[in-house]
């Protein structure tokens, strides 16, 4: 699988570390914290994911990937995605 790094271009996925779903938001209090830590949906289709380019520019990026086909539809820096 090739991941498009905004700085380095298309790179092999072995250069990256997968963090997980980029859409999760940490709850402010204890309510919902158990669900945030332990419960995850497993959607079929496009999903935004956090990846860390550990063997490259060391940037966090948000990759849009289809979980059914592993096709990657784009990537942006995590700081830009948070805006």
N, C-alpha and C. Protein backbone atom coordinates (compact mmCIF):
# COMPACT_ATOMS: atom_id res chain seq x y z
N UNK A 1 0.86 -1.16 0.00
CA UNK A 1 0.00 0.00 0.00
C UNK A 1 0.91 1.24 0.00
N UNK A 2 0.59 2.19 -0.83
CA UNK A 2 1.34 3.44 -0.93
C UNK A 2 0.52 4.56 -0.29
N UNK A 3 1.17 5.36 0.55
CA UNK A 3 0.51 6.46 1.24
C UNK A 3 1.10 7.77 0.74
N UNK A 4 0.25 8.71 0.31
CA UNK A 4 0.76 9.99 -0.19
C UNK A 4 1.08 10.97 0.94
N UNK A 5 2.35 11.13 1.25
CA UNK A 5 2.77 12.07 2.28
C UNK A 5 2.79 13.47 1.66
N UNK A 6 2.20 14.48 2.32
CA UNK A 6 2.21 15.83 1.76
C UNK A 6 3.61 16.40 1.53
N UNK A 7 4.59 15.95 2.31
CA UNK A 7 5.97 16.44 2.15
C UNK A 7 6.82 15.54 1.25
N UNK A 8 6.69 14.23 1.42
CA UNK A 8 7.62 13.28 0.77
C UNK A 8 7.07 12.63 -0.49
N UNK A 9 5.78 12.81 -0.80
CA UNK A 9 5.18 12.15 -1.95
C UNK A 9 4.72 10.74 -1.59
N UNK A 10 4.45 9.92 -2.60
CA UNK A 10 3.98 8.55 -2.37
C UNK A 10 5.09 7.71 -1.73
N UNK A 11 4.75 7.10 -0.58
CA UNK A 11 5.72 6.29 0.15
C UNK A 11 5.08 4.96 0.53
N UNK A 12 5.89 3.94 0.76
CA UNK A 12 5.41 2.63 1.16
C UNK A 12 4.82 2.71 2.57
N UNK A 13 3.77 1.95 2.83
CA UNK A 13 3.09 2.01 4.13
C UNK A 13 3.98 1.54 5.28
N UNK A 14 5.03 0.79 5.00
CA UNK A 14 5.93 0.32 6.06
C UNK A 14 6.72 1.46 6.69
N UNK A 15 6.74 2.63 6.06
CA UNK A 15 7.41 3.80 6.63
C UNK A 15 6.55 4.50 7.66
N UNK A 16 5.28 4.10 7.78
CA UNK A 16 4.31 4.79 8.62
C UNK A 16 3.89 3.93 9.81
N UNK A 17 3.40 4.61 10.85
CA UNK A 17 2.81 3.95 12.00
C UNK A 17 1.34 4.35 12.04
N UNK A 18 0.45 3.36 12.14
CA UNK A 18 -0.99 3.59 12.16
C UNK A 18 -1.44 3.91 13.57
N UNK A 19 -2.19 5.00 13.72
CA UNK A 19 -2.73 5.37 15.04
C UNK A 19 -4.20 4.99 15.18
N UNK A 20 -4.99 5.23 14.16
CA UNK A 20 -6.41 4.88 14.24
C UNK A 20 -7.32 5.94 13.68
N UNK A 21 -8.58 5.82 14.01
CA UNK A 21 -9.64 6.68 13.52
C UNK A 21 -9.37 8.14 13.89
N UNK A 22 -9.39 9.01 12.89
CA UNK A 22 -9.11 10.43 13.12
C UNK A 22 -10.36 11.22 13.53
N UNK A 23 -11.52 10.60 13.51
CA UNK A 23 -12.75 11.34 13.81
C UNK A 23 -13.12 11.31 15.29
N UNK A 24 -12.44 10.51 16.10
CA UNK A 24 -12.77 10.41 17.52
C UNK A 24 -12.38 11.68 18.26
N UNK A 25 -13.24 12.10 19.17
CA UNK A 25 -12.98 13.27 20.01
C UNK A 25 -13.00 12.83 21.47
N UNK A 26 -11.94 13.15 22.21
CA UNK A 26 -11.86 12.77 23.61
C UNK A 26 -12.92 13.52 24.42
N UNK A 27 -13.67 12.81 25.28
CA UNK A 27 -14.69 13.48 26.09
C UNK A 27 -14.05 14.37 27.15
N UNK A 28 -14.76 15.42 27.55
CA UNK A 28 -14.24 16.36 28.54
C UNK A 28 -14.17 15.75 29.94
N UNK A 29 -15.17 15.00 30.32
CA UNK A 29 -15.22 14.42 31.67
C UNK A 29 -15.10 12.91 31.62
N UNK A 30 -15.49 12.29 32.73
CA UNK A 30 -15.42 10.84 32.81
C UNK A 30 -16.56 10.16 32.05
N UNK A 31 -17.66 10.89 31.85
CA UNK A 31 -18.78 10.31 31.11
C UNK A 31 -18.35 10.02 29.68
N UNK A 32 -18.49 8.81 29.27
CA UNK A 32 -18.15 8.43 27.91
C UNK A 32 -16.69 8.07 27.71
N UNK A 33 -15.85 8.18 28.77
CA UNK A 33 -14.43 7.89 28.60
C UNK A 33 -14.18 6.41 28.32
N UNK A 34 -14.92 5.51 28.97
CA UNK A 34 -14.79 4.08 28.71
C UNK A 34 -15.06 3.77 27.24
N UNK A 35 -16.15 4.32 26.71
CA UNK A 35 -16.49 4.11 25.31
C UNK A 35 -15.40 4.66 24.39
N UNK A 36 -14.86 5.83 24.73
CA UNK A 36 -13.81 6.46 23.93
C UNK A 36 -12.56 5.58 23.85
N UNK A 37 -12.20 4.96 24.97
CA UNK A 37 -10.97 4.16 25.02
C UNK A 37 -11.16 2.77 24.43
N UNK A 38 -12.27 2.11 24.75
CA UNK A 38 -12.39 0.69 24.45
C UNK A 38 -13.33 0.31 23.30
N UNK A 39 -14.27 1.16 22.94
CA UNK A 39 -15.26 0.78 21.93
C UNK A 39 -14.98 1.48 20.62
N UNK A 40 -14.93 0.72 19.53
CA UNK A 40 -14.68 1.28 18.20
C UNK A 40 -15.68 0.70 17.20
N UNK A 41 -16.12 1.56 16.30
CA UNK A 41 -16.93 1.09 15.17
C UNK A 41 -15.97 0.53 14.13
N UNK A 42 -16.48 -0.32 13.28
CA UNK A 42 -15.68 -0.89 12.20
C UNK A 42 -16.43 -0.63 10.89
N UNK A 43 -16.45 0.63 10.42
CA UNK A 43 -17.25 0.96 9.25
C UNK A 43 -16.65 0.41 7.96
N UNK A 44 -17.54 0.06 7.03
CA UNK A 44 -17.11 -0.35 5.70
C UNK A 44 -17.24 0.86 4.79
N UNK A 45 -16.12 1.27 4.19
CA UNK A 45 -16.13 2.43 3.32
C UNK A 45 -15.05 3.42 3.69
N UNK A 46 -15.15 4.64 3.16
CA UNK A 46 -14.12 5.65 3.43
C UNK A 46 -14.09 6.06 4.90
N UNK A 47 -12.88 6.21 5.43
CA UNK A 47 -12.68 6.61 6.81
C UNK A 47 -11.42 7.47 6.89
N UNK A 48 -11.41 8.45 7.79
CA UNK A 48 -10.23 9.28 8.02
C UNK A 48 -9.41 8.63 9.12
N UNK A 49 -8.10 8.43 8.88
CA UNK A 49 -7.22 7.75 9.83
C UNK A 49 -5.96 8.59 10.09
N UNK A 50 -5.45 8.49 11.31
CA UNK A 50 -4.18 9.13 11.64
C UNK A 50 -3.03 8.17 11.32
N UNK A 51 -2.02 8.68 10.64
CA UNK A 51 -0.79 7.93 10.35
C UNK A 51 0.39 8.83 10.68
N UNK A 52 1.47 8.23 11.21
CA UNK A 52 2.69 8.95 11.55
C UNK A 52 3.80 8.49 10.61
N UNK A 53 4.43 9.42 9.92
CA UNK A 53 5.50 9.07 8.97
C UNK A 53 6.81 8.93 9.75
N UNK A 54 6.99 7.80 10.42
CA UNK A 54 8.10 7.56 11.33
C UNK A 54 9.44 7.48 10.62
N UNK A 55 9.47 6.91 9.42
CA UNK A 55 10.74 6.74 8.71
C UNK A 55 10.88 7.73 7.57
N UNK A 56 10.29 8.89 7.75
CA UNK A 56 10.35 9.93 6.74
C UNK A 56 10.43 11.28 7.40
N UNK A 57 9.46 12.13 7.12
CA UNK A 57 9.46 13.52 7.62
C UNK A 57 8.97 13.65 9.06
N UNK A 58 8.50 12.55 9.64
CA UNK A 58 8.01 12.52 11.03
C UNK A 58 6.80 13.42 11.25
N UNK A 59 5.95 13.49 10.27
CA UNK A 59 4.73 14.29 10.37
C UNK A 59 3.54 13.39 10.63
N UNK A 60 2.56 13.91 11.37
CA UNK A 60 1.27 13.25 11.51
C UNK A 60 0.41 13.67 10.33
N UNK A 61 -0.22 12.70 9.68
CA UNK A 61 -1.11 13.00 8.56
C UNK A 61 -2.45 12.31 8.76
N UNK A 62 -3.47 12.85 8.12
CA UNK A 62 -4.79 12.22 8.11
C UNK A 62 -5.01 11.68 6.70
N UNK A 63 -5.16 10.37 6.63
CA UNK A 63 -5.32 9.66 5.36
C UNK A 63 -6.77 9.25 5.22
N UNK A 64 -7.38 9.50 4.07
CA UNK A 64 -8.72 9.01 3.77
C UNK A 64 -8.56 7.71 3.00
N UNK A 65 -9.02 6.61 3.63
CA UNK A 65 -8.83 5.27 3.05
C UNK A 65 -10.15 4.51 3.07
N UNK A 66 -10.40 3.75 2.01
CA UNK A 66 -11.59 2.89 1.94
C UNK A 66 -11.25 1.57 2.60
N UNK A 67 -11.96 1.22 3.67
CA UNK A 67 -11.65 0.00 4.41
C UNK A 67 -12.01 -1.28 3.66
N UNK A 68 -12.84 -1.17 2.63
CA UNK A 68 -13.19 -2.36 1.84
C UNK A 68 -12.12 -2.72 0.84
N UNK A 69 -11.47 -1.73 0.25
CA UNK A 69 -10.52 -1.98 -0.84
C UNK A 69 -9.09 -1.54 -0.50
N UNK A 70 -8.91 -0.83 0.60
CA UNK A 70 -7.63 -0.22 1.00
C UNK A 70 -7.19 0.87 0.04
N UNK A 71 -8.06 1.32 -0.85
CA UNK A 71 -7.73 2.41 -1.77
C UNK A 71 -7.63 3.71 -0.97
N UNK A 72 -6.56 4.46 -1.22
CA UNK A 72 -6.34 5.72 -0.52
C UNK A 72 -6.79 6.87 -1.42
N UNK A 73 -7.63 7.74 -0.85
CA UNK A 73 -8.23 8.83 -1.63
C UNK A 73 -7.58 10.18 -1.36
N UNK A 74 -6.58 10.23 -0.47
CA UNK A 74 -5.89 11.48 -0.21
C UNK A 74 -5.32 11.53 1.19
N UNK A 75 -4.46 12.51 1.41
CA UNK A 75 -3.85 12.71 2.72
C UNK A 75 -3.53 14.19 2.91
N UNK A 76 -3.70 14.67 4.12
CA UNK A 76 -3.34 16.05 4.49
C UNK A 76 -2.63 16.00 5.83
N UNK A 77 -1.88 17.05 6.13
CA UNK A 77 -1.25 17.15 7.44
C UNK A 77 -2.33 17.19 8.52
N UNK A 78 -2.09 16.56 9.64
CA UNK A 78 -3.09 16.50 10.71
C UNK A 78 -3.43 17.89 11.23
N UNK A 79 -2.45 18.77 11.27
CA UNK A 79 -2.72 20.14 11.74
C UNK A 79 -3.69 20.86 10.82
N UNK A 80 -3.60 20.61 9.52
CA UNK A 80 -4.53 21.23 8.57
C UNK A 80 -5.91 20.60 8.66
N UNK A 81 -5.98 19.30 8.91
CA UNK A 81 -7.26 18.60 9.01
C UNK A 81 -8.03 19.03 10.24
N UNK A 82 -7.33 19.45 11.29
CA UNK A 82 -7.98 19.86 12.52
C UNK A 82 -8.64 21.22 12.42
N UNK A 83 -8.30 22.01 11.42
CA UNK A 83 -8.88 23.35 11.28
C UNK A 83 -10.28 23.32 10.77
